[in-house]
Amino acid sequence: MTSLRDRLVEAGVELLESDGLANLSLRAITRRTGVSHGAPRRHFPTHNALLAAIASTGLADLAARLQLPAEGSVEDRLVAAAERYLEFAAERPGMFDLIFRHDLLEGAGGNLREQSLPLLRTFIDLVAQSHPTDAPARAVALWTNLHGLATLRATHTLELLEDLDVPALTRHIVQTHLT
């Protein structure tokens, strides 16, 4: 039997995926779970603590997606990581929105900083293989560029540009930050 805590998180993930972050209320989660509005307090002292638990599942998924094989050039591996990042944003736009809402999640529990820093570390470590002296700055610039592209993709804004070749643009972004 699934615990109430797990059921609340699962319901939150489902609602986030179907209705988006703006509609992810405690009332909607308890309604979907079939419990009273006060029931979540036994497991989550605040609504933001529940949001942090939901975000934790998304961070785990994104981290799993960014696991890369050790072979291949730095550029090819960075392109693969970038493509996986963009795919996550496109496939799970509500979760993508939530996991980067540190203004909501800061101090809410779940060790989200500890979970999210390794994601950036993936990019820093790869960039460091070709640019060891300035890898953090290059990786943050690369990630910022990719995050903007991922946000445009998650919000369907890129669909306005019908002929845009996203894989080619992704490779261009990576090459730009490696040269």
N, C-alpha and C. Protein backbone atom coordinates (compact mmCIF):
# COMPACT_ATOMS: atom_id res chain seq x y z
N MET A 1 0.83 -1.17 0.00
CA MET A 1 0.00 0.00 0.00
C MET A 1 0.89 1.25 0.00
N THR A 2 0.50 2.19 -0.84
CA THR A 2 1.24 3.44 -0.96
C THR A 2 0.89 4.36 0.21
N SER A 3 1.91 4.98 0.77
CA SER A 3 1.68 5.90 1.89
C SER A 3 0.95 7.15 1.41
N LEU A 4 0.33 7.84 2.35
CA LEU A 4 -0.36 9.08 2.02
C LEU A 4 0.63 10.10 1.46
N ARG A 5 1.81 10.15 2.03
CA ARG A 5 2.83 11.08 1.55
C ARG A 5 3.10 10.84 0.07
N ASP A 6 3.33 9.57 -0.29
CA ASP A 6 3.62 9.23 -1.68
C ASP A 6 2.42 9.52 -2.58
N ARG A 7 1.22 9.25 -2.10
CA ARG A 7 0.02 9.51 -2.88
C ARG A 7 -0.15 11.00 -3.15
N LEU A 8 0.15 11.83 -2.16
CA LEU A 8 0.07 13.28 -2.33
C LEU A 8 1.08 13.77 -3.38
N VAL A 9 2.29 13.25 -3.30
CA VAL A 9 3.32 13.63 -4.27
C VAL A 9 2.92 13.16 -5.67
N GLU A 10 2.46 11.92 -5.79
CA GLU A 10 2.04 11.39 -7.09
C GLU A 10 0.90 12.21 -7.67
N ALA A 11 -0.08 12.55 -6.85
CA ALA A 11 -1.20 13.38 -7.31
C ALA A 11 -0.70 14.75 -7.75
N GLY A 12 0.24 15.31 -7.00
CA GLY A 12 0.82 16.60 -7.37
C GLY A 12 1.54 16.54 -8.70
N VAL A 13 2.31 15.47 -8.91
CA VAL A 13 3.01 15.31 -10.19
C VAL A 13 2.00 15.21 -11.33
N GLU A 14 0.97 14.40 -11.14
CA GLU A 14 -0.05 14.24 -12.18
C GLU A 14 -0.73 15.57 -12.51
N LEU A 15 -1.11 16.31 -11.48
CA LEU A 15 -1.76 17.61 -11.69
C LEU A 15 -0.81 18.61 -12.35
N LEU A 16 0.43 18.60 -11.92
CA LEU A 16 1.42 19.50 -12.51
C LEU A 16 1.57 19.21 -14.00
N GLU A 17 1.64 17.93 -14.35
CA GLU A 17 1.81 17.54 -15.75
C GLU A 17 0.58 17.87 -16.58
N SER A 18 -0.60 17.73 -16.01
CA SER A 18 -1.82 17.95 -16.79
C SER A 18 -2.29 19.41 -16.78
N ASP A 19 -2.12 20.11 -15.66
CA ASP A 19 -2.71 21.44 -15.51
C ASP A 19 -1.70 22.58 -15.35
N GLY A 20 -0.44 22.26 -15.13
CA GLY A 20 0.59 23.28 -14.99
C GLY A 20 0.73 23.80 -13.57
N LEU A 21 1.82 24.50 -13.34
CA LEU A 21 2.16 24.99 -12.00
C LEU A 21 1.12 25.98 -11.47
N ALA A 22 0.58 26.81 -12.31
CA ALA A 22 -0.37 27.82 -11.85
C ALA A 22 -1.62 27.20 -11.22
N ASN A 23 -1.93 25.97 -11.59
CA ASN A 23 -3.14 25.30 -11.10
C ASN A 23 -2.84 24.21 -10.07
N LEU A 24 -1.62 24.18 -9.58
CA LEU A 24 -1.22 23.14 -8.63
C LEU A 24 -1.48 23.62 -7.20
N SER A 25 -2.71 23.54 -6.79
CA SER A 25 -3.08 23.99 -5.45
C SER A 25 -3.18 22.81 -4.49
N LEU A 26 -3.09 23.12 -3.22
CA LEU A 26 -3.26 22.10 -2.19
C LEU A 26 -4.67 21.51 -2.28
N ARG A 27 -5.63 22.32 -2.53
CA ARG A 27 -7.02 21.87 -2.66
C ARG A 27 -7.16 20.85 -3.80
N ALA A 28 -6.54 21.14 -4.95
CA ALA A 28 -6.61 20.22 -6.09
C ALA A 28 -5.92 18.89 -5.78
N ILE A 29 -4.78 18.97 -5.09
CA ILE A 29 -4.06 17.75 -4.74
C ILE A 29 -4.86 16.89 -3.77
N THR A 30 -5.43 17.51 -2.75
CA THR A 30 -6.22 16.73 -1.78
C THR A 30 -7.48 16.18 -2.43
N ARG A 31 -8.08 16.93 -3.32
CA ARG A 31 -9.27 16.46 -4.03
C ARG A 31 -8.92 15.21 -4.84
N ARG A 32 -7.82 15.26 -5.56
CA ARG A 32 -7.41 14.12 -6.39
C ARG A 32 -7.04 12.92 -5.52
N THR A 33 -6.48 13.19 -4.35
CA THR A 33 -6.05 12.11 -3.45
C THR A 33 -7.23 11.56 -2.64
N GLY A 34 -8.28 12.36 -2.51
CA GLY A 34 -9.45 11.93 -1.75
C GLY A 34 -9.28 12.04 -0.25
N VAL A 35 -8.51 13.05 0.18
CA VAL A 35 -8.31 13.27 1.61
C VAL A 35 -8.75 14.69 1.97
N SER A 36 -8.86 14.94 3.26
CA SER A 36 -9.24 16.28 3.72
C SER A 36 -8.12 17.27 3.45
N HIS A 37 -8.49 18.53 3.47
CA HIS A 37 -7.50 19.59 3.20
C HIS A 37 -6.42 19.67 4.27
N GLY A 38 -6.70 19.17 5.45
CA GLY A 38 -5.72 19.19 6.53
C GLY A 38 -4.79 17.99 6.53
N ALA A 39 -5.14 16.93 5.82
CA ALA A 39 -4.35 15.69 5.84
C ALA A 39 -2.89 15.87 5.42
N PRO A 40 -2.59 16.67 4.41
CA PRO A 40 -1.18 16.81 4.02
C PRO A 40 -0.28 17.37 5.10
N ARG A 41 -0.84 18.11 6.05
CA ARG A 41 -0.02 18.73 7.11
C ARG A 41 0.74 17.69 7.94
N ARG A 42 0.26 16.47 7.97
CA ARG A 42 0.96 15.41 8.72
C ARG A 42 2.30 15.07 8.07
N HIS A 43 2.39 15.34 6.77
CA HIS A 43 3.62 14.99 6.05
C HIS A 43 4.38 16.20 5.52
N PHE A 44 3.64 17.30 5.28
CA PHE A 44 4.23 18.50 4.71
C PHE A 44 3.74 19.71 5.51
N PRO A 45 4.64 20.37 6.23
CA PRO A 45 4.21 21.49 7.08
C PRO A 45 3.66 22.68 6.29
N THR A 46 4.07 22.80 5.03
CA THR A 46 3.59 23.90 4.18
C THR A 46 3.30 23.38 2.78
N HIS A 47 2.56 24.17 2.06
CA HIS A 47 2.30 23.83 0.65
C HIS A 47 3.61 23.79 -0.12
N ASN A 48 4.52 24.71 0.18
CA ASN A 48 5.80 24.72 -0.51
C ASN A 48 6.64 23.48 -0.22
N ALA A 49 6.48 22.90 0.97
CA ALA A 49 7.18 21.65 1.27
C ALA A 49 6.67 20.53 0.38
N LEU A 50 5.37 20.51 0.11
CA LEU A 50 4.80 19.53 -0.82
C LEU A 50 5.31 19.81 -2.23
N LEU A 51 5.35 21.07 -2.62
CA LEU A 51 5.89 21.42 -3.93
C LEU A 51 7.35 20.98 -4.06
N ALA A 52 8.12 21.11 -2.99
CA ALA A 52 9.52 20.68 -3.01
C ALA A 52 9.62 19.18 -3.22
N ALA A 53 8.74 18.42 -2.59
CA ALA A 53 8.74 16.95 -2.77
C ALA A 53 8.38 16.60 -4.21
N ILE A 54 7.44 17.33 -4.78
CA ILE A 54 7.06 17.12 -6.17
C ILE A 54 8.24 17.46 -7.08
N ALA A 55 8.88 18.59 -6.82
CA ALA A 55 10.04 19.02 -7.62
C ALA A 55 11.17 18.01 -7.53
N SER A 56 11.33 17.40 -6.38
CA SER A 56 12.39 16.41 -6.19
C SER A 56 12.25 15.25 -7.19
N THR A 57 11.02 14.86 -7.48
CA THR A 57 10.83 13.77 -8.45
C THR A 57 11.27 14.22 -9.84
N GLY A 58 11.00 15.47 -10.18
CA GLY A 58 11.43 15.99 -11.48
C GLY A 58 12.93 16.13 -11.58
N LEU A 59 13.56 16.58 -10.51
CA LEU A 59 15.02 16.69 -10.51
C LEU A 59 15.67 15.32 -10.67
N ALA A 60 15.09 14.31 -10.03
CA ALA A 60 15.62 12.95 -10.16
C ALA A 60 15.50 12.47 -11.61
N ASP A 61 14.37 12.76 -12.24
CA ASP A 61 14.18 12.39 -13.64
C ASP A 61 15.19 13.10 -14.53
N LEU A 62 15.36 14.40 -14.34
CA LEU A 62 16.31 15.15 -15.16
C LEU A 62 17.74 14.66 -14.94
N ALA A 63 18.10 14.37 -13.70
CA ALA A 63 19.44 13.86 -13.41
C ALA A 63 19.67 12.52 -14.11
N ALA A 64 18.67 11.65 -14.11
CA ALA A 64 18.80 10.36 -14.78
C ALA A 64 18.98 10.56 -16.29
N ARG A 65 18.26 11.52 -16.84
CA ARG A 65 18.39 11.78 -18.27
C ARG A 65 19.76 12.32 -18.65
N LEU A 66 20.40 13.02 -17.73
CA LEU A 66 21.71 13.62 -18.02
C LEU A 66 22.88 12.68 -17.76
N GLN A 67 22.60 11.44 -17.38
CA GLN A 67 23.66 10.45 -17.25
C GLN A 67 24.15 10.11 -18.65
N LEU A 68 25.40 10.38 -18.92
CA LEU A 68 25.94 10.20 -20.27
C LEU A 68 27.01 9.12 -20.29
N PRO A 69 27.12 8.40 -21.39
CA PRO A 69 28.24 7.46 -21.52
C PRO A 69 29.56 8.23 -21.55
N ALA A 70 30.61 7.60 -21.13
CA ALA A 70 31.92 8.26 -21.02
C ALA A 70 32.61 8.45 -22.36
N GLU A 71 32.18 7.74 -23.39
CA GLU A 71 32.85 7.85 -24.68
C GLU A 71 32.25 8.97 -25.53
N GLY A 72 33.03 9.38 -26.52
CA GLY A 72 32.59 10.46 -27.39
C GLY A 72 33.35 11.74 -27.10
N SER A 73 33.30 12.65 -28.06
CA SER A 73 33.98 13.93 -27.88
C SER A 73 33.22 14.78 -26.86
N VAL A 74 33.91 15.75 -26.32
CA VAL A 74 33.29 16.67 -25.38
C VAL A 74 32.09 17.36 -26.05
N GLU A 75 32.28 17.80 -27.27
CA GLU A 75 31.20 18.49 -27.97
C GLU A 75 29.98 17.57 -28.14
N ASP A 76 30.22 16.34 -28.58
CA ASP A 76 29.10 15.41 -28.78
C ASP A 76 28.39 15.09 -27.48
N ARG A 77 29.15 14.95 -26.41
CA ARG A 77 28.53 14.65 -25.11
C ARG A 77 27.75 15.86 -24.59
N LEU A 78 28.29 17.07 -24.80
CA LEU A 78 27.55 18.27 -24.40
C LEU A 78 26.28 18.45 -25.23
N VAL A 79 26.35 18.15 -26.51
CA VAL A 79 25.16 18.23 -27.35
C VAL A 79 24.13 17.22 -26.87
N ALA A 80 24.57 16.01 -26.53
CA ALA A 80 23.63 14.99 -26.02
C ALA A 80 22.99 15.45 -24.72
N ALA A 81 23.78 16.02 -23.82
CA ALA A 81 23.23 16.52 -22.57
C ALA A 81 22.25 17.66 -22.84
N ALA A 82 22.62 18.55 -23.74
CA ALA A 82 21.74 19.68 -24.08
C ALA A 82 20.43 19.19 -24.68
N GLU A 83 20.51 18.23 -25.57
CA GLU A 83 19.29 17.69 -26.18
C GLU A 83 18.40 17.03 -25.15
N ARG A 84 18.98 16.33 -24.20
CA ARG A 84 18.19 15.70 -23.14
C ARG A 84 17.53 16.75 -22.24
N TYR A 85 18.25 17.82 -21.98
CA TYR A 85 17.71 18.93 -21.19
C TYR A 85 16.51 19.55 -21.92
N LEU A 86 16.67 19.79 -23.21
CA LEU A 86 15.60 20.37 -24.01
C LEU A 86 14.40 19.42 -24.11
N GLU A 87 14.67 18.13 -24.23
CA GLU A 87 13.59 17.14 -24.28
C GLU A 87 12.79 17.15 -22.97
N PHE A 88 13.50 17.21 -21.86
CA PHE A 88 12.81 17.27 -20.56
C PHE A 88 11.87 18.46 -20.51
N ALA A 89 12.37 19.62 -20.92
CA ALA A 89 11.55 20.84 -20.90
C ALA A 89 10.32 20.70 -21.80
N ALA A 90 10.50 20.08 -22.96
CA ALA A 90 9.39 19.93 -23.89
C ALA A 90 8.38 18.89 -23.41
N GLU A 91 8.88 17.81 -22.83
CA GLU A 91 8.00 16.72 -22.39
C GLU A 91 7.32 17.00 -21.06
N ARG A 92 7.98 17.77 -20.20
CA ARG A 92 7.47 18.01 -18.86
C ARG A 92 7.54 19.50 -18.52
N PRO A 93 6.83 20.34 -19.27
CA PRO A 93 6.95 21.79 -19.08
C PRO A 93 6.53 22.26 -17.68
N GLY A 94 5.52 21.66 -17.10
CA GLY A 94 5.12 22.05 -15.75
C GLY A 94 6.20 21.75 -14.73
N MET A 95 6.79 20.56 -14.85
CA MET A 95 7.87 20.18 -13.94
C MET A 95 9.09 21.05 -14.18
N PHE A 96 9.39 21.33 -15.44
CA PHE A 96 10.52 22.20 -15.78
C PHE A 96 10.34 23.56 -15.11
N ASP A 97 9.12 24.07 -15.16
CA ASP A 97 8.81 25.35 -14.52
C ASP A 97 9.02 25.26 -13.01
N LEU A 98 8.52 24.20 -12.40
CA LEU A 98 8.59 24.07 -10.95
C LEU A 98 10.02 23.92 -10.44
N ILE A 99 10.82 23.09 -11.06
CA ILE A 99 12.15 22.81 -10.49
C ILE A 99 13.07 24.02 -10.52
N PHE A 100 12.74 25.00 -11.32
CA PHE A 100 13.57 26.20 -11.35
C PHE A 100 12.91 27.38 -10.65
N ARG A 101 11.90 27.13 -9.87
CA ARG A 101 11.24 28.17 -9.08
C ARG A 101 11.84 28.19 -7.67
N HIS A 102 13.09 28.55 -7.58
CA HIS A 102 13.75 28.59 -6.29
C HIS A 102 13.11 29.62 -5.36
N ASP A 103 12.44 30.61 -5.93
CA ASP A 103 11.74 31.58 -5.09
C ASP A 103 10.61 30.91 -4.30
N LEU A 104 10.00 29.87 -4.87
CA LEU A 104 8.97 29.11 -4.16
C LEU A 104 9.56 28.04 -3.25
N LEU A 105 10.62 27.42 -3.72
CA LEU A 105 11.11 26.21 -3.09
C LEU A 105 12.22 26.42 -2.06
N GLU A 106 12.83 27.59 -2.06
CA GLU A 106 13.92 27.87 -1.12
C GLU A 106 13.44 27.67 0.31
N GLY A 107 14.13 26.85 1.04
CA GLY A 107 13.81 26.60 2.44
C GLY A 107 12.62 25.69 2.66
N ALA A 108 12.08 25.11 1.57
CA ALA A 108 10.89 24.26 1.70
C ALA A 108 11.23 22.81 2.01
N GLY A 109 12.51 22.49 2.07
CA GLY A 109 12.90 21.11 2.36
C GLY A 109 13.25 20.37 1.08
N GLY A 110 13.59 19.11 1.25
CA GLY A 110 13.89 18.27 0.10
C GLY A 110 15.31 18.38 -0.42
N ASN A 111 16.15 19.22 0.20
CA ASN A 111 17.53 19.37 -0.25
C ASN A 111 17.62 19.62 -1.76
N LEU A 112 16.79 20.51 -2.25
CA LEU A 112 16.72 20.74 -3.68
C LEU A 112 18.01 21.31 -4.25
N ARG A 113 18.69 22.13 -3.49
CA ARG A 113 19.98 22.65 -3.97
C ARG A 113 20.97 21.50 -4.16
N GLU A 114 20.97 20.58 -3.22
CA GLU A 114 21.87 19.42 -3.34
C GLU A 114 21.51 18.57 -4.55
N GLN A 115 20.23 18.54 -4.91
CA GLN A 115 19.81 17.78 -6.07
C GLN A 115 20.06 18.53 -7.38
N SER A 116 19.94 19.85 -7.37
CA SER A 116 20.07 20.59 -8.61
C SER A 116 21.52 20.95 -8.96
N LEU A 117 22.37 21.11 -7.99
CA LEU A 117 23.77 21.46 -8.29
C LEU A 117 24.49 20.40 -9.13
N PRO A 118 24.27 19.11 -8.92
CA PRO A 118 24.92 18.13 -9.80
C PRO A 118 24.52 18.25 -11.27
N LEU A 119 23.35 18.79 -11.54
CA LEU A 119 22.93 18.98 -12.92
C LEU A 119 23.84 20.00 -13.60
N LEU A 120 24.10 21.11 -12.91
CA LEU A 120 25.04 22.09 -13.45
C LEU A 120 26.45 21.51 -13.48
N ARG A 121 26.78 20.73 -12.49
CA ARG A 121 28.11 20.10 -12.42
C ARG A 121 28.36 19.22 -13.65
N THR A 122 27.31 18.59 -14.18
CA THR A 122 27.45 17.78 -15.39
C THR A 122 28.02 18.64 -16.52
N PHE A 123 27.47 19.83 -16.69
CA PHE A 123 27.94 20.72 -17.75
C PHE A 123 29.33 21.27 -17.42
N ILE A 124 29.58 21.63 -16.18
CA ILE A 124 30.90 22.15 -15.80
C ILE A 124 31.99 21.10 -16.05
N ASP A 125 31.73 19.87 -15.63
CA ASP A 125 32.73 18.81 -15.80
C ASP A 125 33.03 18.53 -17.28
N LEU A 126 32.01 18.56 -18.10
CA LEU A 126 32.24 18.35 -19.53
C LEU A 126 33.02 19.50 -20.14
N VAL A 127 32.63 20.72 -19.84
CA VAL A 127 33.33 21.89 -20.38
C VAL A 127 34.78 21.89 -19.89
N ALA A 128 35.01 21.48 -18.65
CA ALA A 128 36.37 21.47 -18.08
C ALA A 128 37.32 20.56 -18.85
N GLN A 129 36.79 19.59 -19.55
CA GLN A 129 37.66 18.70 -20.33
C GLN A 129 38.34 19.41 -21.48
N SER A 130 37.73 20.49 -21.98
CA SER A 130 38.37 21.25 -23.05
C SER A 130 38.80 22.65 -22.62
N HIS A 131 38.23 23.15 -21.53
CA HIS A 131 38.56 24.49 -21.03
C HIS A 131 38.67 24.46 -19.51
N PRO A 132 39.74 23.88 -18.99
CA PRO A 132 39.83 23.71 -17.53
C PRO A 132 39.95 25.00 -16.73
N THR A 133 40.46 26.07 -17.32
CA THR A 133 40.69 27.28 -16.53
C THR A 133 39.43 28.12 -16.32
N ASP A 134 38.49 28.06 -17.24
CA ASP A 134 37.29 28.88 -17.10
C ASP A 134 36.00 28.06 -17.28
N ALA A 135 36.07 26.81 -16.91
CA ALA A 135 34.93 25.91 -17.10
C ALA A 135 33.65 26.39 -16.41
N PRO A 136 33.71 26.82 -15.14
CA PRO A 136 32.44 27.23 -14.51
C PRO A 136 31.75 28.38 -15.25
N ALA A 137 32.51 29.40 -15.64
CA ALA A 137 31.90 30.54 -16.34
C ALA A 137 31.35 30.12 -17.69
N ARG A 138 32.10 29.32 -18.43
CA ARG A 138 31.63 28.84 -19.74
C ARG A 138 30.39 27.96 -19.57
N ALA A 139 30.41 27.09 -18.58
CA ALA A 139 29.28 26.17 -18.37
C ALA A 139 28.02 26.93 -17.97
N VAL A 140 28.17 27.95 -17.13
CA VAL A 140 27.00 28.74 -16.74
C VAL A 140 26.47 29.51 -17.95
N ALA A 141 27.36 30.05 -18.77
CA ALA A 141 26.91 30.74 -19.98
C ALA A 141 26.20 29.77 -20.92
N LEU A 142 26.76 28.58 -21.08
CA LEU A 142 26.13 27.55 -21.91
C LEU A 142 24.77 27.16 -21.34
N TRP A 143 24.72 26.89 -20.05
CA TRP A 143 23.47 26.48 -19.41
C TRP A 143 22.42 27.59 -19.53
N THR A 144 22.83 28.84 -19.35
CA THR A 144 21.90 29.95 -19.46
C THR A 144 21.30 30.01 -20.87
N ASN A 145 22.14 29.85 -21.86
CA ASN A 145 21.68 29.85 -23.25
C ASN A 145 20.72 28.67 -23.50
N LEU A 146 21.10 27.49 -23.01
CA LEU A 146 20.24 26.31 -23.18
C LEU A 146 18.93 26.45 -22.41
N HIS A 147 19.01 27.03 -21.23
CA HIS A 147 17.80 27.21 -20.43
C HIS A 147 16.82 28.15 -21.12
N GLY A 148 17.33 29.19 -21.73
CA GLY A 148 16.47 30.08 -22.50
C GLY A 148 15.81 29.35 -23.65
N LEU A 149 16.58 28.56 -24.38
CA LEU A 149 16.04 27.77 -25.49
C LEU A 149 15.01 26.76 -24.97
N ALA A 150 15.32 26.11 -23.84
CA ALA A 150 14.40 25.14 -23.26
C ALA A 150 13.10 25.81 -22.83
N THR A 151 13.20 27.01 -22.27
CA THR A 151 12.00 27.74 -21.86
C THR A 151 11.15 28.10 -23.07
N LEU A 152 11.78 28.55 -24.13
CA LEU A 152 11.04 28.86 -25.36
C LEU A 152 10.38 27.61 -25.93
N ARG A 153 11.06 26.49 -25.81
CA ARG A 153 10.49 25.24 -26.30
C ARG A 153 9.34 24.77 -25.41
N ALA A 154 9.52 24.87 -24.10
CA ALA A 154 8.49 24.42 -23.16
C ALA A 154 7.21 25.24 -23.28
N THR A 155 7.35 26.51 -23.64
CA THR A 155 6.17 27.38 -23.77
C THR A 155 5.65 27.43 -25.21
N HIS A 156 6.19 26.57 -26.05
CA HIS A 156 5.77 26.44 -27.45
C HIS A 156 6.04 27.70 -28.28
N THR A 157 6.89 28.57 -27.79
CA THR A 157 7.23 29.79 -28.53
C THR A 157 8.03 29.47 -29.78
N LEU A 158 8.86 28.43 -29.73
CA LEU A 158 9.67 28.08 -30.89
C LEU A 158 8.82 27.61 -32.07
N GLU A 159 7.60 27.20 -31.79
CA GLU A 159 6.71 26.74 -32.87
C GLU A 159 6.38 27.88 -33.83
N LEU A 160 6.57 29.11 -33.40
CA LEU A 160 6.34 30.26 -34.28
C LEU A 160 7.33 30.27 -35.44
N LEU A 161 8.50 29.69 -35.20
CA LEU A 161 9.54 29.63 -36.23
C LEU A 161 9.51 28.23 -36.85
N GLU A 162 8.66 28.05 -37.83
CA GLU A 162 8.38 26.74 -38.39
C GLU A 162 9.62 26.02 -38.93
N ASP A 163 10.55 26.76 -39.49
CA ASP A 163 11.71 26.14 -40.12
C ASP A 163 12.92 26.04 -39.21
N LEU A 164 12.74 26.32 -37.93
CA LEU A 164 13.87 26.29 -37.01
C LEU A 164 14.34 24.85 -36.80
N ASP A 165 15.61 24.63 -37.01
CA ASP A 165 16.22 23.31 -36.80
C ASP A 165 16.81 23.31 -35.39
N VAL A 166 16.04 22.83 -34.41
CA VAL A 166 16.46 22.87 -33.00
C VAL A 166 17.74 22.06 -32.77
N PRO A 167 17.88 20.85 -33.33
CA PRO A 167 19.15 20.14 -33.12
C PRO A 167 20.36 20.91 -33.66
N ALA A 168 20.22 21.54 -34.81
CA ALA A 168 21.33 22.32 -35.36
C ALA A 168 21.61 23.54 -34.47
N LEU A 169 20.56 24.18 -34.00
CA LEU A 169 20.73 25.32 -33.10
C LEU A 169 21.40 24.89 -31.80
N THR A 170 21.01 23.74 -31.29
CA THR A 170 21.60 23.22 -30.05
C THR A 170 23.10 22.99 -30.24
N ARG A 171 23.47 22.36 -31.34
CA ARG A 171 24.90 22.12 -31.62
C ARG A 171 25.63 23.46 -31.76
N HIS A 172 25.02 24.43 -32.42
CA HIS A 172 25.63 25.76 -32.57
C HIS A 172 25.87 26.40 -31.21
N ILE A 173 24.90 26.31 -30.32
CA ILE A 173 25.04 26.88 -28.99
C ILE A 173 26.22 26.23 -28.26
N VAL A 174 26.30 24.91 -28.32
CA VAL A 174 27.41 24.21 -27.66
C VAL A 174 28.74 24.63 -28.27
N GLN A 175 28.82 24.64 -29.59
CA GLN A 175 30.08 25.03 -30.26
C GLN A 175 30.49 26.46 -29.89
N THR A 176 29.52 27.33 -29.81
CA THR A 176 29.80 28.73 -29.46
C THR A 176 30.47 28.83 -28.08
N HIS A 177 29.99 28.05 -27.15
CA HIS A 177 30.53 28.14 -25.79
C HIS A 177 31.80 27.31 -25.60
N LEU A 178 32.12 26.49 -26.57
CA LEU A 178 33.38 25.73 -26.49
C LEU A 178 34.52 26.40 -27.24
N THR A 179 34.21 27.40 -28.07
CA THR A 179 35.29 28.04 -28.84
C THR A 179 35.62 29.40 -28.28
